[in-house]
PDB file of N, CA and C in Angstrom:
ATOM      1  N   MET A   1       5.464  10.485  10.697  1.00  0.00           N
ATOM      2  CA  MET A   1       4.170  10.369  10.411  1.00  0.00           C
ATOM      3  C   MET A   1       3.546   8.708  10.482  1.00  0.00           C
ATOM      4  N   GLY A   2       2.931   8.337  12.114  1.00  0.00           N
ATOM      5  CA  GLY A   2       2.942   6.745  12.281  1.00  0.00           C
ATOM      6  C   GLY A   2       1.978   6.060  11.265  1.00  0.00           C
ATOM      7  N   TRP A   3       1.576   4.293  11.551  1.00  0.00           N
ATOM      8  CA  TRP A   3       0.821   3.732  10.621  1.00  0.00           C
ATOM      9  C   TRP A   3      -0.732   4.047  10.525  1.00  0.00           C
ATOM     10  N   ARG A   4      -0.974   3.768   9.647  1.00  0.00           N
ATOM     11  CA  ARG A   4      -2.404   4.089   9.005  1.00  0.00           C
ATOM     12  C   ARG A   4      -3.785   3.448   8.642  1.00  0.00           C
ATOM     13  N   PHE A   5      -4.788   3.559   8.607  1.00  0.00           N
ATOM     14  CA  PHE A   5      -5.854   2.872   8.022  1.00  0.00           C
ATOM     15  C   PHE A   5      -5.614   3.171   6.148  1.00  0.00           C
ATOM     16  N   GLN A   6      -6.328   2.399   5.651  1.00  0.00           N
ATOM     17  CA  GLN A   6      -6.878   3.049   4.372  1.00  0.00           C
ATOM     18  C   GLN A   6      -7.801   1.367   4.061  1.00  0.00           C
ATOM     19  N   ARG A   7      -8.721   2.328   3.191  1.00  0.00           N
ATOM     20  CA  ARG A   7     -10.188   1.751   2.177  1.00  0.00           C
ATOM     21  C   ARG A   7      -9.758   1.742   0.606  1.00  0.00           C
ATOM     22  N   THR A   8      -9.981   0.484   0.583  1.00  0.00           N
ATOM     23  CA  THR A   8      -9.266   0.041  -0.872  1.00  0.00           C
ATOM     24  C   THR A   8     -10.508  -0.602  -1.269  1.00  0.00           C
ATOM     25  N   ARG A   9     -11.423  -0.153  -2.495  1.00  0.00           N
ATOM     26  CA  ARG A   9     -12.343  -0.925  -3.323  1.00  0.00           C
ATOM     27  C   ARG A   9     -11.362  -2.115  -4.540  1.00  0.00           C
ATOM     28  N   ILE A  10     -11.864  -3.245  -4.224  1.00  0.00           N
ATOM     29  CA  ILE A  10     -11.127  -4.330  -5.058  1.00  0.00           C
ATOM     30  C   ILE A  10     -11.950  -4.571  -6.402  1.00  0.00           C
ATOM     31  N   THR A  11     -11.397  -4.428  -7.478  1.00  0.00           N
ATOM     32  CA  THR A  11     -12.222  -3.978  -8.397  1.00  0.00           C
ATOM     33  C   THR A  11     -11.349  -5.540  -9.709  1.00  0.00           C
ATOM     34  N   GLU A  12     -12.150  -5.178 -10.649  1.00  0.00           N
ATOM     35  CA  GLU A  12     -11.213  -5.971 -12.073  1.00  0.00           C
ATOM     36  C   GLU A  12      -9.795  -5.149 -12.648  1.00  0.00           C
ATOM     37  N   GLU A  13     -10.366  -4.283 -12.138  1.00  0.00           N
ATOM     38  CA  GLU A  13      -9.261  -3.575 -12.746  1.00  0.00           C
ATOM     39  C   GLU A  13      -7.935  -3.501 -11.537  1.00  0.00           C
ATOM     40  N   TYR A  14      -8.485  -3.246 -10.315  1.00  0.00           N
ATOM     41  CA  TYR A  14      -7.453  -3.350  -9.182  1.00  0.00           C
ATOM     42  C   TYR A  14      -8.137  -5.420  -8.287  1.00  0.00           C
ATOM     43  N   PRO A  15      -7.650  -5.634  -8.850  1.00  0.00           N
ATOM     44  CA  PRO A  15      -8.023  -7.439  -8.380  1.00  0.00           C
ATOM     45  C   PRO A  15      -6.822  -7.549  -7.173  1.00  0.00           C
ATOM     46  N   PRO A  16      -7.345  -8.732  -6.035  1.00  0.00           N
ATOM     47  CA  PRO A  16      -6.808  -9.070  -4.790  1.00  0.00           C
ATOM     48  C   PRO A  16      -5.241  -8.925  -5.129  1.00  0.00           C
ATOM     49  N   GLU A  17      -4.764  -9.664  -6.119  1.00  0.00           N
ATOM     50  CA  GLU A  17      -3.351 -10.363  -6.226  1.00  0.00           C
ATOM     51  C   GLU A  17      -2.584  -8.986  -6.028  1.00  0.00           C
ATOM     52  N   THR A  18      -3.264  -7.972  -6.893  1.00  0.00           N
ATOM     53  CA  THR A  18      -2.053  -6.965  -7.340  1.00  0.00           C
ATOM     54  C   THR A  18      -2.509  -5.846  -5.523  1.00  0.00           C
ATOM     55  N   TYR A  19      -3.701  -5.892  -5.066  1.00  0.00           N
ATOM     56  CA  TYR A  19      -3.679  -5.409  -3.882  1.00  0.00           C
ATOM     57  C   TYR A  19      -2.981  -5.882  -3.004  1.00  0.00           C
ATOM     58  N   LEU A  20      -3.001  -7.172  -2.696  1.00  0.00           N
ATOM     59  CA  LEU A  20      -1.803  -7.716  -2.160  1.00  0.00           C
ATOM     60  C   LEU A  20      -0.298  -7.432  -2.222  1.00  0.00           C
ATOM     61  N   LYS A  21      -0.353  -7.567  -3.183  1.00  0.00           N
ATOM     62  CA  LYS A  21       1.331  -7.094  -3.218  1.00  0.00           C
ATOM     63  C   LYS A  21       1.854  -5.701  -2.871  1.00  0.00           C
ATOM     64  N   ASP A  22       0.411  -4.565  -3.100  1.00  0.00           N
ATOM     65  CA  ASP A  22       0.697  -3.157  -3.185  1.00  0.00           C
ATOM     66  C   ASP A  22       0.835  -3.085  -1.571  1.00  0.00           C
ATOM     67  N   ILE A  23       0.304  -3.167  -1.028  1.00  0.00           N
ATOM     68  CA  ILE A  23      -0.146  -3.184   0.915  1.00  0.00           C
ATOM     69  C   ILE A  23       0.961  -3.923   1.277  1.00  0.00           C
ATOM     70  N   GLY A  24       1.866  -4.461   0.658  1.00  0.00           N
ATOM     71  CA  GLY A  24       3.244  -4.999   1.248  1.00  0.00           C
ATOM     72  C   GLY A  24       2.742  -6.695   2.652  1.00  0.00           C
ATOM     73  N   LYS A  25       3.520  -7.401   2.721  1.00  0.00           N
ATOM     74  CA  LYS A  25       3.279  -8.124   4.065  1.00  0.00           C
ATOM     75  C   LYS A  25       3.288  -7.665   5.658  1.00  0.00           C
ATOM     76  N   GLU A  26       3.903  -6.206   5.413  1.00  0.00           N
ATOM     77  CA  GLU A  26       3.575  -5.657   7.144  1.00  0.00           C
ATOM     78  C   GLU A  26       2.111  -5.759   6.894  1.00  0.00           C
ATOM     79  N   ALA A  27       1.529  -5.331   6.435  1.00  0.00           N
ATOM     80  CA  ALA A  27       0.157  -4.377   6.297  1.00  0.00           C
ATOM     81  C   ALA A  27      -0.967  -5.714   6.697  1.00  0.00           C
ATOM     82  N   GLU A  28      -2.232  -4.873   7.783  1.00  0.00           N
ATOM     83  CA  GLU A  28      -3.026  -6.471   8.270  1.00  0.00           C
ATOM     84  C   GLU A  28      -4.374  -5.610   7.959  1.00  0.00           C
ATOM     85  N   ILE A  29      -5.158  -6.744   6.681  1.00  0.00           N
ATOM     86  CA  ILE A  29      -6.219  -6.224   6.478  1.00  0.00           C
ATOM     87  C   ILE A  29      -7.219  -6.664   7.700  1.00  0.00           C
ATOM     88  N   VAL A  30      -7.632  -5.469   8.458  1.00  0.00           N
ATOM     89  CA  VAL A  30      -8.798  -5.407   9.220  1.00  0.00           C
ATOM     90  C   VAL A  30     -10.078  -5.654   9.083  1.00  0.00           C
ATOM     91  N   LEU A  31     -10.496  -5.320   7.969  1.00  0.00           N
ATOM     92  CA  LEU A  31     -12.133  -5.892   7.583  1.00  0.00           C
ATOM     93  C   LEU A  31     -12.325  -5.623   6.404  1.00  0.00           C
ATOM     94  N   LEU A  32     -13.247  -6.341   5.703  1.00  0.00           N
ATOM     95  CA  LEU A  32     -13.757  -6.869   4.598  1.00  0.00           C
ATOM     96  C   LEU A  32     -15.417  -6.262   4.489  1.00  0.00           C
ATOM     97  N   VAL A  33     -16.000  -5.502   3.598  1.00  0.00           N
ATOM     98  CA  VAL A  33     -16.860  -4.889   3.097  1.00  0.00           C
ATOM     99  C   VAL A  33     -17.449  -6.076   2.600  1.00  0.00           C
ATOM    100  N   ARG A  34     -18.060  -7.268   2.305  1.00  0.00           N
ATOM    101  CA  ARG A  34     -18.475  -7.708   1.362  1.00  0.00           C
ATOM    102  C   ARG A  34     -19.978  -8.177   1.242  1.00  0.00           C
ATOM    103  N   LYS A  35     -20.611  -7.893   0.196  1.00  0.00           N
ATOM    104  CA  LYS A  35     -21.825  -7.711  -0.146  1.00  0.00           C
ATOM    105  C   LYS A  35     -22.813  -6.720   0.977  1.00  0.00           C
ATOM    106  N   GLY A  36     -22.713  -5.955   1.164  1.00  0.00           N
ATOM    107  CA  GLY A  36     -22.942  -5.373   2.483  1.00  0.00           C
ATOM    108  C   GLY A  36     -22.994  -5.632   3.895  1.00  0.00           C
ATOM    109  N   ALA A  37     -22.102  -7.021   4.282  1.00  0.00           N
ATOM    110  CA  ALA A  37     -21.855  -7.531   5.474  1.00  0.00           C
ATOM    111  C   ALA A  37     -20.412  -6.974   5.869  1.00  0.00           C
ATOM    112  N   LEU A  38     -20.065  -6.712   7.379  1.00  0.00           N
ATOM    113  CA  LEU A  38     -18.637  -6.697   7.511  1.00  0.00           C
ATOM    114  C   LEU A  38     -18.282  -8.157   7.648  1.00  0.00           C
ATOM    115  N   GLN A  39     -16.705  -8.220   7.565  1.00  0.00           N
ATOM    116  CA  GLN A  39     -16.029  -9.383   8.167  1.00  0.00           C
ATOM    117  C   GLN A  39     -14.808  -8.847   9.054  1.00  0.00           C
ATOM    118  N   PHE A  40     -14.421  -9.335   9.721  1.00  0.00           N
ATOM    119  CA  PHE A  40     -13.300  -8.699  10.785  1.00  0.00           C
ATOM    120  C   PHE A  40     -12.710  -9.860  10.835  1.00  0.00           C
ATOM    121  N   ALA A  41     -11.077  -9.714  10.631  1.00  0.00           N
ATOM    122  CA  ALA A  41      -9.695 -10.428  10.368  1.00  0.00           C
ATOM    123  C   ALA A  41     -10.002 -10.721  12.216  1.00  0.00           C
ATOM    124  N   SER A  42      -9.458 -12.260  11.995  1.00  0.00           N
ATOM    125  CA  SER A  42      -8.809 -12.368  12.929  1.00  0.00           C
ATOM    126  C   SER A  42      -7.741 -13.844  13.121  1.00  0.00           C
ATOM    127  N   ALA A  43      -6.636 -14.311  14.396  1.00  0.00           N
ATOM    128  CA  ALA A  43      -5.704 -15.086  13.646  1.00  0.00           C
ATOM    129  C   ALA A  43      -6.279 -16.739  13.405  1.00  0.00           C
ATOM    130  N   GLU A  44      -7.701 -16.871  13.541  1.00  0.00           N
ATOM    131  CA  GLU A  44      -7.963 -17.883  13.236  1.00  0.00           C
ATOM    132  C   GLU A  44      -8.628 -18.009  11.543  1.00  0.00           C
ATOM    133  N   ALA A  45      -8.801 -17.205  11.435  1.00  0.00           N
ATOM    134  CA  ALA A  45      -9.371 -16.267   9.922  1.00  0.00           C
ATOM    135  C   ALA A  45      -9.094 -15.603   9.447  1.00  0.00           C
ATOM    136  N   PRO A  46      -8.070 -14.911   9.078  1.00  0.00           N
ATOM    137  CA  PRO A  46      -7.380 -14.099   8.116  1.00  0.00           C
ATOM    138  C   PRO A  46      -8.132 -14.045   6.787  1.00  0.00           C
ATOM    139  N   LEU A  47      -8.226 -12.598   6.539  1.00  0.00           N
ATOM    140  CA  LEU A  47      -9.217 -11.728   5.224  1.00  0.00           C
ATOM    141  C   LEU A  47      -8.956 -11.838   4.177  1.00  0.00           C
ATOM    142  N   LYS A  48      -9.337 -13.071   2.969  1.00  0.00           N
ATOM    143  CA  LYS A  48      -9.303 -13.250   1.938  1.00  0.00           C
ATOM    144  C   LYS A  48      -9.930 -12.062   0.623  1.00  0.00           C
ATOM    145  N   PRO A  49      -9.431 -11.027   0.425  1.00  0.00           N
ATOM    146  CA  PRO A  49      -9.950  -9.871  -0.668  1.00  0.00           C
ATOM    147  C   PRO A  49     -10.670 -10.664  -1.905  1.00  0.00           C
ATOM    148  N   GLU A  50     -11.605 -10.145  -2.190  1.00  0.00           N
ATOM    149  CA  GLU A  50     -12.456 -11.068  -3.668  1.00  0.00           C
ATOM    150  C   GLU A  50     -12.863  -9.351  -4.095  1.00  0.00           C
ATOM    151  N   ILE A  51     -12.947  -9.640  -5.551  1.00  0.00           N
ATOM    152  CA  ILE A  51     -13.376  -8.752  -6.777  1.00  0.00           C
ATOM    153  C   ILE A  51     -14.996  -8.085  -5.984  1.00  0.00           C
ATOM    154  N   GLY A  52     -14.951  -7.133  -5.630  1.00  0.00           N
ATOM    155  CA  GLY A  52     -16.588  -6.310  -5.085  1.00  0.00           C
ATOM    156  C   GLY A  52     -16.096  -5.986  -3.786  1.00  0.00           C
ATOM    157  N   ASP A  53     -15.166  -6.760  -2.721  1.00  0.00           N
ATOM    158  CA  ASP A  53     -14.879  -6.042  -1.520  1.00  0.00           C
ATOM    159  C   ASP A  53     -14.461  -4.881  -1.623  1.00  0.00           C
ATOM    160  N   VAL A  54     -14.714  -4.255  -0.384  1.00  0.00           N
ATOM    161  CA  VAL A  54     -13.954  -2.785   0.244  1.00  0.00           C
ATOM    162  C   VAL A  54     -13.099  -3.542   1.319  1.00  0.00           C
ATOM    163  N   ALA A  55     -11.716  -3.315   1.110  1.00  0.00           N
ATOM    164  CA  ALA A  55     -11.098  -4.028   2.540  1.00  0.00           C
ATOM    165  C   ALA A  55     -10.440  -2.058   2.934  1.00  0.00           C
ATOM    166  N   LEU A  56     -10.365  -2.617   4.476  1.00  0.00           N
ATOM    167  CA  LEU A  56      -9.716  -1.667   5.266  1.00  0.00           C
ATOM    168  C   LEU A  56      -8.522  -2.631   5.968  1.00  0.00           C
ATOM    169  N   ALA A  57      -7.528  -1.705   6.009  1.00  0.00           N
ATOM    170  CA  ALA A  57      -5.983  -1.921   6.560  1.00  0.00           C
ATOM    171  C   ALA A  57      -5.347  -1.058   6.995  1.00  0.00           C
ATOM    172  N   TYR A  58      -4.539  -2.119   7.787  1.00  0.00           N
ATOM    173  CA  TYR A  58      -3.180  -1.085   8.829  1.00  0.00           C
ATOM    174  C   TYR A  58      -2.263  -0.888   7.919  1.00  0.00           C
ATOM    175  N   LEU A  59      -1.706   0.134   7.677  1.00  0.00           N
ATOM    176  CA  LEU A  59      -0.357   0.024   6.893  1.00  0.00           C
ATOM    177  C   LEU A  59       0.815   0.756   7.307  1.00  0.00           C
ATOM    178  N   PRO A  60       1.441   0.312   7.326  1.00  0.00           N
ATOM    179  CA  PRO A  60       2.992   0.821   7.848  1.00  0.00           C
ATOM    180  C   PRO A  60       3.108   2.533   7.244  1.00  0.00           C
ATOM    181  N   LYS A  61       3.940   3.121   7.982  1.00  0.00           N
ATOM    182  CA  LYS A  61       3.483   4.506   7.254  1.00  0.00           C
ATOM    183  C   LYS A  61       4.271   4.796   6.231  1.00  0.00           C
ATOM    184  N   LEU A  62       4.395   5.198   5.631  1.00  0.00           N
ATOM    185  CA  LEU A  62       4.911   6.054   4.123  1.00  0.00           C
ATOM    186  C   LEU A  62       6.240   6.281   4.378  1.00  0.00           C
ATOM    187  N   GLU A  63       6.981   5.365   3.758  1.00  0.00           N
ATOM    188  CA  GLU A  63       8.508   5.857   3.510  1.00  0.00           C
ATOM    189  C   GLU A  63       8.645   7.078   2.653  1.00  0.00           C
ATOM    190  N   PRO A  64       9.438   8.680   3.006  1.00  0.00           N
ATOM    191  CA  PRO A  64       9.751   9.482   1.980  1.00  0.00           C
ATOM    192  C   PRO A  64      10.063   8.955   0.782  1.00  0.00           C
ATOM    193  N   PRO A  65      10.015   9.859  -0.548  1.00  0.00           N
ATOM    194  CA  PRO A  65      10.599   9.026  -1.709  1.00  0.00           C
ATOM    195  C   PRO A  65      12.038   9.290  -1.593  1.00  0.00           C
ATOM    196  N   ARG A  66      12.462   8.320  -2.077  1.00  0.00           N
ATOM    197  CA  ARG A  66      14.131   9.104  -2.215  1.00  0.00           C
ATOM    198  C   ARG A  66      14.332   9.990  -3.568  1.00  0.00           C
ATOM    199  N   ARG A  67      15.378  10.566  -3.311  1.00  0.00           N
ATOM    200  CA  ARG A  67      15.547  11.524  -3.907  1.00  0.00           C
ATOM    201  C   ARG A  67      17.055  10.980  -4.880  1.00  0.00           C
ATOM    202  N   ALA A  68      17.174  11.332  -6.297  1.00  0.00           N
ATOM    203  CA  ALA A  68      18.483  10.675  -6.606  1.00  0.00           C
ATOM    204  C   ALA A  68      19.436  11.791  -6.368  1.00  0.00           C
ATOM    205  N   ALA A  69      20.803  11.497  -5.851  1.00  0.00           N
ATOM    206  CA  ALA A  69      22.074  11.766  -5.337  1.00  0.00           C
ATOM    207  C   ALA A  69      22.053  12.567  -6.354  1.00  0.00           C
ATOM    208  N   ALA A  70      22.414  13.577  -6.045  1.00  0.00           N
ATOM    209  CA  ALA A  70      22.884  15.061  -7.046  1.00  0.00           C
ATOM    210  C   ALA A  70      24.136  14.874  -7.918  1.00  0.00           C
ATOM    211  N   VAL A  71      24.415  14.963  -9.252  1.00  0.00           N
ATOM    212  CA  VAL A  71      25.677  14.596  -9.583  1.00  0.00           C
ATOM    213  C   VAL A  71      26.294  15.933  -9.875  1.00  0.00           C
ATOM    214  N   GLU A  72      27.265  16.103  -9.481  1.00  0.00           N
ATOM    215  CA  GLU A  72      28.208  17.441  -9.102  1.00  0.00           C
ATOM    216  C   GLU A  72      29.060  17.184 -10.269  1.00  0.00           C
ATOM    217  N   THR A  73      29.006  18.087 -11.715  1.00  0.00           N
ATOM    218  CA  THR A  73      30.010  18.197 -12.743  1.00  0.00           C
ATOM    219  C   THR A  73      30.520  19.108 -12.103  1.00  0.00           C
ATOM    220  N   SER A  74      31.962  19.104 -13.154  1.00  0.00           N
ATOM    221  CA  SER A  74      32.774  19.915 -12.759  1.00  0.00           C
ATOM    222  C   SER A  74      33.390  20.447 -14.285  1.00  0.00           C
ATOM    223  N   SER A  75      33.532  21.684 -14.723  1.00  0.00           N
ATOM    224  CA  SER A  75      33.344  22.440 -16.573  1.00  0.00           C
ATOM    225  C   SER A  75      34.719  23.229 -15.292  1.00  0.00           C
ATOM    226  N   ALA A  76      35.611  22.701 -16.783  1.00  0.00           N
ATOM    227  CA  ALA A  76      37.255  23.479 -16.144  1.00  0.00           C
ATOM    228  C   ALA A  76      37.053  24.190 -17.342  1.00  0.00           C
ATOM    229  N   ASP A  77      37.208  25.611 -16.606  1.00  0.00           N
ATOM    230  CA  ASP A  77      36.486  26.589 -17.019  1.00  0.00           C
ATOM    231  C   ASP A  77      38.001  27.763 -17.575  1.00  0.00           C
ATOM    232  N   PRO A  78      38.799  27.626 -19.009  1.00  0.00           N
ATOM    233  CA  PRO A  78      39.563  27.977 -19.471  1.00  0.00           C
ATOM    234  C   PRO A  78      40.241  29.336 -19.184  1.00  0.00           C
ATOM    235  N   ALA A  79      39.127  29.967 -19.068  1.00  0.00           N
ATOM    236  CA  ALA A  79      39.825  31.397 -18.274  1.00  0.00           C
ATOM    237  C   ALA A  79      40.107  31.582 -17.090  1.00  0.00           C
ATOM    238  N   ALA A  80      39.874  30.531 -16.207  1.00  0.00           N
ATOM    239  CA  ALA A  80      40.183  30.597 -14.829  1.00  0.00           C
ATOM    240  C   ALA A  80      41.951  30.190 -14.918  1.00  0.00           C
TER     241      ALA A  80
END
């Protein structure tokens, strides 16, 4: 699976600081919907989400969750 788009509403419960941390440094915020108006990102004017915005970000592919290494235990069988 490759890169993907993700839409997120920024709220008091999910503030901009948490959102930016969660999407990571590789993600690009492409646009914001703020008070009904679209704001597009540019190199000259990167977007800074605010509470009440809806953000559309382009994110790298999800890494599959790592499984804990299986721990093998051997039990000595006294009957063996």
